[in-house]
Amino acid sequence: MSGDPNLALFAGRSPKRWLVTGAAGFIGSNLVETLLRAGQYVTGLDNFATGHQRNLDEVRRLVGDEAWSRFRMIDG
């Protein structure tokens, strides 16, 4: 792991499934990134009223295709 103390919480544990509401917002997209980097499975939920697709695009760029394959988005 990259030395991120948030990722250390998941060391040695089996992956879980997470639902992140507001996934396209600032806080939500950062949480999505952290969870994906930790090998978790993430479903994002956002109606894009204040969140932005560009935040999720940046997460995808940062985590790479393998991690991104564990992410699903629900627009709602």
PDB file of N, CA and C in Angstrom:
ATOM      1  N   MET A   1       0.844  -1.181   0.000  1.00  0.00           N
ATOM      2  CA  MET A   1       0.000   0.000   0.000  1.00  0.00           C
ATOM      3  C   MET A   1       0.883   1.235   0.000  1.00  0.00           C
ATOM      4  N   SER A   2       0.324   2.336  -0.397  1.00  0.00           N
ATOM      5  CA  SER A   2       1.119   3.530  -0.670  1.00  0.00           C
ATOM      6  C   SER A   2       1.457   4.367   0.560  1.00  0.00           C
ATOM      7  N   GLY A   3       1.298   3.843   1.754  1.00  0.00           N
ATOM      8  CA  GLY A   3       1.579   4.631   2.938  1.00  0.00           C
ATOM      9  C   GLY A   3       0.401   5.473   3.400  1.00  0.00           C
ATOM     10  N   ASP A   4      -0.696   5.420   2.686  1.00  0.00           N
ATOM     11  CA  ASP A   4      -1.905   6.147   3.063  1.00  0.00           C
ATOM     12  C   ASP A   4      -2.501   5.466   4.294  1.00  0.00           C
ATOM     13  N   PRO A   5      -2.621   6.176   5.426  1.00  0.00           N
ATOM     14  CA  PRO A   5      -3.157   5.539   6.631  1.00  0.00           C
ATOM     15  C   PRO A   5      -4.584   5.025   6.459  1.00  0.00           C
ATOM     16  N   ASN A   6      -5.345   5.612   5.544  1.00  0.00           N
ATOM     17  CA  ASN A   6      -6.703   5.119   5.287  1.00  0.00           C
ATOM     18  C   ASN A   6      -6.678   3.714   4.708  1.00  0.00           C
ATOM     19  N   LEU A   7      -5.685   3.421   3.873  1.00  0.00           N
ATOM     20  CA  LEU A   7      -5.599   2.109   3.254  1.00  0.00           C
ATOM     21  C   LEU A   7      -5.182   1.048   4.259  1.00  0.00           C
ATOM     22  N   ALA A   8      -4.429   1.431   5.275  1.00  0.00           N
ATOM     23  CA  ALA A   8      -3.976   0.480   6.288  1.00  0.00           C
ATOM     24  C   ALA A   8      -5.152  -0.152   7.030  1.00  0.00           C
ATOM     25  N   LEU A   9      -6.278   0.534   7.079  1.00  0.00           N
ATOM     26  CA  LEU A   9      -7.466  -0.011   7.740  1.00  0.00           C
ATOM     27  C   LEU A   9      -7.945  -1.303   7.094  1.00  0.00           C
ATOM     28  N   PHE A  10      -7.631  -1.489   5.814  1.00  0.00           N
ATOM     29  CA  PHE A  10      -8.132  -2.631   5.060  1.00  0.00           C
ATOM     30  C   PHE A  10      -7.113  -3.750   4.917  1.00  0.00           C
ATOM     31  N   ALA A  11      -5.900  -3.563   5.419  1.00  0.00           N
ATOM     32  CA  ALA A  11      -4.835  -4.551   5.250  1.00  0.00           C
ATOM     33  C   ALA A  11      -5.246  -5.889   5.861  1.00  0.00           C
ATOM     34  N   GLY A  12      -5.093  -6.946   5.078  1.00  0.00           N
ATOM     35  CA  GLY A  12      -5.370  -8.286   5.565  1.00  0.00           C
ATOM     36  C   GLY A  12      -6.839  -8.643   5.698  1.00  0.00           C
ATOM     37  N   ARG A  13      -7.721  -7.791   5.252  1.00  0.00           N
ATOM     38  CA  ARG A  13      -9.159  -8.067   5.340  1.00  0.00           C
ATOM     39  C   ARG A  13      -9.712  -8.378   3.957  1.00  0.00           C
ATOM     40  N   SER A  14     -10.748  -9.194   3.927  1.00  0.00           N
ATOM     41  CA  SER A  14     -11.361  -9.501   2.638  1.00  0.00           C
ATOM     42  C   SER A  14     -12.168  -8.298   2.157  1.00  0.00           C
ATOM     43  N   PRO A  15     -12.253  -8.126   0.833  1.00  0.00           N
ATOM     44  CA  PRO A  15     -12.989  -6.981   0.281  1.00  0.00           C
ATOM     45  C   PRO A  15     -14.467  -7.020   0.660  1.00  0.00           C
ATOM     46  N   LYS A  16     -15.025  -5.856   0.845  1.00  0.00           N
ATOM     47  CA  LYS A  16     -16.449  -5.684   1.137  1.00  0.00           C
ATOM     48  C   LYS A  16     -17.091  -4.888   0.003  1.00  0.00           C
ATOM     49  N   ARG A  17     -18.400  -4.811   0.036  1.00  0.00           N
ATOM     50  CA  ARG A  17     -19.147  -3.986  -0.915  1.00  0.00           C
ATOM     51  C   ARG A  17     -19.619  -2.738  -0.189  1.00  0.00           C
ATOM     52  N   TRP A  18     -19.422  -1.586  -0.812  1.00  0.00           N
ATOM     53  CA  TRP A  18     -19.743  -0.294  -0.210  1.00  0.00           C
ATOM     54  C   TRP A  18     -20.691   0.473  -1.110  1.00  0.00           C
ATOM     55  N   LEU A  19     -21.624   1.214  -0.509  1.00  0.00           N
ATOM     56  CA  LEU A  19     -22.491   2.145  -1.223  1.00  0.00           C
ATOM     57  C   LEU A  19     -22.077   3.550  -0.799  1.00  0.00           C
ATOM     58  N   VAL A  20     -21.675   4.354  -1.769  1.00  0.00           N
ATOM     59  CA  VAL A  20     -21.262   5.732  -1.493  1.00  0.00           C
ATOM     60  C   VAL A  20     -22.293   6.662  -2.113  1.00  0.00           C
ATOM     61  N   THR A  21     -23.063   7.353  -1.272  1.00  0.00           N
ATOM     62  CA  THR A  21     -24.012   8.339  -1.776  1.00  0.00           C
ATOM     63  C   THR A  21     -23.271   9.645  -2.008  1.00  0.00           C
ATOM     64  N   GLY A  22     -23.674  10.365  -3.042  1.00  0.00           N
ATOM     65  CA  GLY A  22     -22.959  11.589  -3.398  1.00  0.00           C
ATOM     66  C   GLY A  22     -21.596  11.288  -3.991  1.00  0.00           C
ATOM     67  N   ALA A  23     -21.489  10.180  -4.716  1.00  0.00           N
ATOM     68  CA  ALA A  23     -20.200   9.698  -5.216  1.00  0.00           C
ATOM     69  C   ALA A  23     -19.514  10.653  -6.183  1.00  0.00           C
ATOM     70  N   ALA A  24     -20.261  11.517  -6.851  1.00  0.00           N
ATOM     71  CA  ALA A  24     -19.660  12.443  -7.817  1.00  0.00           C
ATOM     72  C   ALA A  24     -19.274  13.775  -7.191  1.00  0.00           C
ATOM     73  N   GLY A  25     -19.543  13.937  -5.916  1.00  0.00           N
ATOM     74  CA  GLY A  25     -19.140  15.156  -5.219  1.00  0.00           C
ATOM     75  C   GLY A  25     -17.697  15.069  -4.755  1.00  0.00           C
ATOM     76  N   PHE A  26     -17.221  16.119  -4.118  1.00  0.00           N
ATOM     77  CA  PHE A  26     -15.826  16.176  -3.675  1.00  0.00           C
ATOM     78  C   PHE A  26     -15.522  15.091  -2.640  1.00  0.00           C
ATOM     79  N   ILE A  27     -16.310  15.034  -1.584  1.00  0.00           N
ATOM     80  CA  ILE A  27     -16.051  14.055  -0.523  1.00  0.00           C
ATOM     81  C   ILE A  27     -16.320  12.640  -1.024  1.00  0.00           C
ATOM     82  N   GLY A  28     -17.448  12.454  -1.707  1.00  0.00           N
ATOM     83  CA  GLY A  28     -17.797  11.127  -2.201  1.00  0.00           C
ATOM     84  C   GLY A  28     -16.776  10.560  -3.162  1.00  0.00           C
ATOM     85  N   SER A  29     -16.291  11.375  -4.085  1.00  0.00           N
ATOM     86  CA  SER A  29     -15.323  10.880  -5.063  1.00  0.00           C
ATOM     87  C   SER A  29     -13.996  10.528  -4.394  1.00  0.00           C
ATOM     88  N   ASN A  30     -13.613  11.272  -3.368  1.00  0.00           N
ATOM     89  CA  ASN A  30     -12.392  10.931  -2.631  1.00  0.00           C
ATOM     90  C   ASN A  30     -12.564   9.633  -1.852  1.00  0.00           C
ATOM     91  N   LEU A  31     -13.752   9.406  -1.308  1.00  0.00           N
ATOM     92  CA  LEU A  31     -14.025   8.148  -0.621  1.00  0.00           C
ATOM     93  C   LEU A  31     -14.014   6.987  -1.610  1.00  0.00           C
ATOM     94  N   VAL A  32     -14.624   7.172  -2.773  1.00  0.00           N
ATOM     95  CA  VAL A  32     -14.607   6.142  -3.816  1.00  0.00           C
ATOM     96  C   VAL A  32     -13.164   5.792  -4.171  1.00  0.00           C
ATOM     97  N   GLU A  33     -12.334   6.796  -4.378  1.00  0.00           N
ATOM     98  CA  GLU A  33     -10.928   6.551  -4.719  1.00  0.00           C
ATOM     99  C   GLU A  33     -10.228   5.736  -3.631  1.00  0.00           C
ATOM    100  N   THR A  34     -10.398   6.129  -2.380  1.00  0.00           N
ATOM    101  CA  THR A  34      -9.741   5.427  -1.272  1.00  0.00           C
ATOM    102  C   THR A  34     -10.197   3.974  -1.188  1.00  0.00           C
ATOM    103  N   LEU A  35     -11.497   3.749  -1.313  1.00  0.00           N
ATOM    104  CA  LEU A  35     -12.020   2.388  -1.237  1.00  0.00           C
ATOM    105  C   LEU A  35     -11.519   1.528  -2.392  1.00  0.00           C
ATOM    106  N   LEU A  36     -11.502   2.069  -3.604  1.00  0.00           N
ATOM    107  CA  LEU A  36     -11.016   1.306  -4.749  1.00  0.00           C
ATOM    108  C   LEU A  36      -9.534   0.991  -4.608  1.00  0.00           C
ATOM    109  N   ARG A  37      -8.753   1.943  -4.141  1.00  0.00           N
ATOM    110  CA  ARG A  37      -7.318   1.697  -3.923  1.00  0.00           C
ATOM    111  C   ARG A  37      -7.099   0.605  -2.879  1.00  0.00           C
ATOM    112  N   ALA A  38      -8.055   0.459  -1.974  1.00  0.00           N
ATOM    113  CA  ALA A  38      -7.958  -0.551  -0.919  1.00  0.00           C
ATOM    114  C   ALA A  38      -8.509  -1.906  -1.361  1.00  0.00           C
ATOM    115  N   GLY A  39      -8.878  -2.031  -2.638  1.00  0.00           N
ATOM    116  CA  GLY A  39      -9.350  -3.305  -3.153  1.00  0.00           C
ATOM    117  C   GLY A  39     -10.806  -3.606  -2.872  1.00  0.00           C
ATOM    118  N   GLN A  40     -11.566  -2.599  -2.502  1.00  0.00           N
ATOM    119  CA  GLN A  40     -12.973  -2.777  -2.164  1.00  0.00           C
ATOM    120  C   GLN A  40     -13.852  -2.685  -3.417  1.00  0.00           C
ATOM    121  N   TYR A  41     -15.085  -3.163  -3.294  1.00  0.00           N
ATOM    122  CA  TYR A  41     -16.089  -3.049  -4.349  1.00  0.00           C
ATOM    123  C   TYR A  41     -17.009  -1.894  -3.989  1.00  0.00           C
ATOM    124  N   VAL A  42     -17.241  -0.997  -4.939  1.00  0.00           N
ATOM    125  CA  VAL A  42     -17.965   0.237  -4.633  1.00  0.00           C
ATOM    126  C   VAL A  42     -19.103   0.453  -5.626  1.00  0.00           C
ATOM    127  N   THR A  43     -20.272   0.779  -5.091  1.00  0.00           N
ATOM    128  CA  THR A  43     -21.384   1.267  -5.891  1.00  0.00           C
ATOM    129  C   THR A  43     -21.584   2.723  -5.516  1.00  0.00           C
ATOM    130  N   GLY A  44     -21.554   3.585  -6.514  1.00  0.00           N
ATOM    131  CA  GLY A  44     -21.775   5.007  -6.292  1.00  0.00           C
ATOM    132  C   GLY A  44     -23.201   5.378  -6.657  1.00  0.00           C
ATOM    133  N   LEU A  45     -23.770   6.287  -5.885  1.00  0.00           N
ATOM    134  CA  LEU A  45     -25.117   6.788  -6.143  1.00  0.00           C
ATOM    135  C   LEU A  45     -25.058   8.306  -6.124  1.00  0.00           C
ATOM    136  N   ASP A  46     -25.536   8.938  -7.186  1.00  0.00           N
ATOM    137  CA  ASP A  46     -25.532  10.399  -7.236  1.00  0.00           C
ATOM    138  C   ASP A  46     -26.561  10.859  -8.257  1.00  0.00           C
ATOM    139  N   ASN A  47     -27.218  11.994  -7.968  1.00  0.00           N
ATOM    140  CA  ASN A  47     -28.157  12.568  -8.932  1.00  0.00           C
ATOM    141  C   ASN A  47     -27.513  13.707  -9.722  1.00  0.00           C
ATOM    142  N   PHE A  48     -26.249  13.983  -9.452  1.00  0.00           N
ATOM    143  CA  PHE A  48     -25.459  15.006 -10.150  1.00  0.00           C
ATOM    144  C   PHE A  48     -26.041  16.407 -10.006  1.00  0.00           C
ATOM    145  N   ALA A  49     -26.814  16.649  -8.947  1.00  0.00           N
ATOM    146  CA  ALA A  49     -27.332  17.999  -8.700  1.00  0.00           C
ATOM    147  C   ALA A  49     -26.191  18.945  -8.342  1.00  0.00           C
ATOM    148  N   THR A  50     -25.263  18.462  -7.523  1.00  0.00           N
ATOM    149  CA  THR A  50     -24.093  19.281  -7.171  1.00  0.00           C
ATOM    150  C   THR A  50     -22.783  18.565  -7.471  1.00  0.00           C
ATOM    151  N   GLY A  51     -22.834  17.252  -7.709  1.00  0.00           N
ATOM    152  CA  GLY A  51     -21.635  16.495  -8.069  1.00  0.00           C
ATOM    153  C   GLY A  51     -21.345  16.626  -9.554  1.00  0.00           C
ATOM    154  N   HIS A  52     -20.156  16.203  -9.951  1.00  0.00           N
ATOM    155  CA  HIS A  52     -19.732  16.369 -11.344  1.00  0.00           C
ATOM    156  C   HIS A  52     -19.091  15.092 -11.874  1.00  0.00           C
ATOM    157  N   GLN A  53     -19.419  14.741 -13.104  1.00  0.00           N
ATOM    158  CA  GLN A  53     -18.826  13.577 -13.760  1.00  0.00           C
ATOM    159  C   GLN A  53     -17.307  13.701 -13.806  1.00  0.00           C
ATOM    160  N   ARG A  54     -16.798  14.908 -13.926  1.00  0.00           N
ATOM    161  CA  ARG A  54     -15.336  15.088 -14.008  1.00  0.00           C
ATOM    162  C   ARG A  54     -14.631  14.564 -12.756  1.00  0.00           C
ATOM    163  N   ASN A  55     -15.302  14.601 -11.594  1.00  0.00           N
ATOM    164  CA  ASN A  55     -14.700  14.039 -10.381  1.00  0.00           C
ATOM    165  C   ASN A  55     -14.510  12.531 -10.523  1.00  0.00           C
ATOM    166  N   LEU A  56     -15.509  11.855 -11.063  1.00  0.00           N
ATOM    167  CA  LEU A  56     -15.403  10.413 -11.267  1.00  0.00           C
ATOM    168  C   LEU A  56     -14.405  10.082 -12.368  1.00  0.00           C
ATOM    169  N   ASP A  57     -14.343  10.908 -13.401  1.00  0.00           N
ATOM    170  CA  ASP A  57     -13.352  10.702 -14.459  1.00  0.00           C
ATOM    171  C   ASP A  57     -11.935  10.778 -13.895  1.00  0.00           C
ATOM    172  N   GLU A  58     -11.717  11.690 -12.968  1.00  0.00           N
ATOM    173  CA  GLU A  58     -10.405  11.836 -12.338  1.00  0.00           C
ATOM    174  C   GLU A  58     -10.088  10.624 -11.461  1.00  0.00           C
ATOM    175  N   VAL A  59     -11.069  10.129 -10.735  1.00  0.00           N
ATOM    176  CA  VAL A  59     -10.857   8.919  -9.932  1.00  0.00           C
ATOM    177  C   VAL A  59     -10.463   7.766 -10.843  1.00  0.00           C
ATOM    178  N   ARG A  60     -11.169   7.614 -11.944  1.00  0.00           N
ATOM    179  CA  ARG A  60     -10.852   6.529 -12.886  1.00  0.00           C
ATOM    180  C   ARG A  60      -9.424   6.642 -13.389  1.00  0.00           C
ATOM    181  N   ARG A  61      -9.005   7.849 -13.718  1.00  0.00           N
ATOM    182  CA  ARG A  61      -7.637   8.066 -14.194  1.00  0.00           C
ATOM    183  C   ARG A  61      -6.625   7.698 -13.112  1.00  0.00           C
ATOM    184  N   LEU A  62      -6.923   8.059 -11.874  1.00  0.00           N
ATOM    185  CA  LEU A  62      -5.980   7.847 -10.772  1.00  0.00           C
ATOM    186  C   LEU A  62      -5.866   6.387 -10.334  1.00  0.00           C
ATOM    187  N   VAL A  63      -6.981   5.659 -10.334  1.00  0.00           N
ATOM    188  CA  VAL A  63      -6.939   4.291  -9.802  1.00  0.00           C
ATOM    189  C   VAL A  63      -6.617   3.241 -10.854  1.00  0.00           C
ATOM    190  N   GLY A  64      -6.838   3.535 -12.128  1.00  0.00           N
ATOM    191  CA  GLY A  64      -6.544   2.571 -13.186  1.00  0.00           C
ATOM    192  C   GLY A  64      -7.707   1.636 -13.474  1.00  0.00           C
ATOM    193  N   ASP A  65      -7.573   0.922 -14.578  1.00  0.00           N
ATOM    194  CA  ASP A  65      -8.667   0.091 -15.084  1.00  0.00           C
ATOM    195  C   ASP A  65      -9.030  -1.075 -14.168  1.00  0.00           C
ATOM    196  N   GLU A  66      -8.032  -1.721 -13.569  1.00  0.00           N
ATOM    197  CA  GLU A  66      -8.318  -2.885 -12.720  1.00  0.00           C
ATOM    198  C   GLU A  66      -9.180  -2.479 -11.531  1.00  0.00           C
ATOM    199  N   ALA A  67      -8.789  -1.426 -10.846  1.00  0.00           N
ATOM    200  CA  ALA A  67      -9.568  -0.953  -9.694  1.00  0.00           C
ATOM    201  C   ALA A  67     -10.920  -0.414 -10.145  1.00  0.00           C
ATOM    202  N   TRP A  68     -10.932   0.311 -11.257  1.00  0.00           N
ATOM    203  CA  TRP A  68     -12.180   0.908 -11.745  1.00  0.00           C
ATOM    204  C   TRP A  68     -13.209  -0.163 -12.099  1.00  0.00           C
ATOM    205  N   SER A  69     -12.757  -1.353 -12.457  1.00  0.00           N
ATOM    206  CA  SER A  69     -13.696  -2.431 -12.804  1.00  0.00           C
ATOM    207  C   SER A  69     -14.525  -2.872 -11.595  1.00  0.00           C
ATOM    208  N   ARG A  70     -14.117  -2.489 -10.387  1.00  0.00           N
ATOM    209  CA  ARG A  70     -14.870  -2.812  -9.173  1.00  0.00           C
ATOM    210  C   ARG A  70     -15.856  -1.704  -8.802  1.00  0.00           C
ATOM    211  N   PHE A  71     -16.058  -0.746  -9.687  1.00  0.00           N
ATOM    212  CA  PHE A  71     -16.953   0.381  -9.424  1.00  0.00           C
ATOM    213  C   PHE A  71     -18.171   0.317 -10.327  1.00  0.00           C
ATOM    214  N   ARG A  72     -19.332   0.556  -9.748  1.00  0.00           N
ATOM    215  CA  ARG A  72     -20.589   0.672 -10.496  1.00  0.00           C
ATOM    216  C   ARG A  72     -21.251   1.972 -10.079  1.00  0.00           C
ATOM    217  N   MET A  73     -21.882   2.659 -11.032  1.00  0.00           N
ATOM    218  CA  MET A  73     -22.517   3.946 -10.759  1.00  0.00           C
ATOM    219  C   MET A  73     -24.013   3.851 -11.006  1.00  0.00           C
ATOM    220  N   ILE A  74     -24.787   4.405 -10.083  1.00  0.00           N
ATOM    221  CA  ILE A  74     -26.238   4.517 -10.232  1.00  0.00           C
ATOM    222  C   ILE A  74     -26.571   5.999 -10.260  1.00  0.00           C
ATOM    223  N   ASP A  75     -27.213   6.430 -11.338  1.00  0.00           N
ATOM    224  CA  ASP A  75     -27.640   7.825 -11.469  1.00  0.00           C
ATOM    225  C   ASP A  75     -29.047   7.919 -10.894  1.00  0.00           C
ATOM    226  N   GLY A  76     -29.181   8.644  -9.793  1.00  0.00           N
ATOM    227  CA  GLY A  76     -30.514   8.696  -9.203  1.00  0.00           C
ATOM    228  C   GLY A  76     -30.688   9.644  -8.091  1.00  0.00           C
TER     229      GLY A  76
END
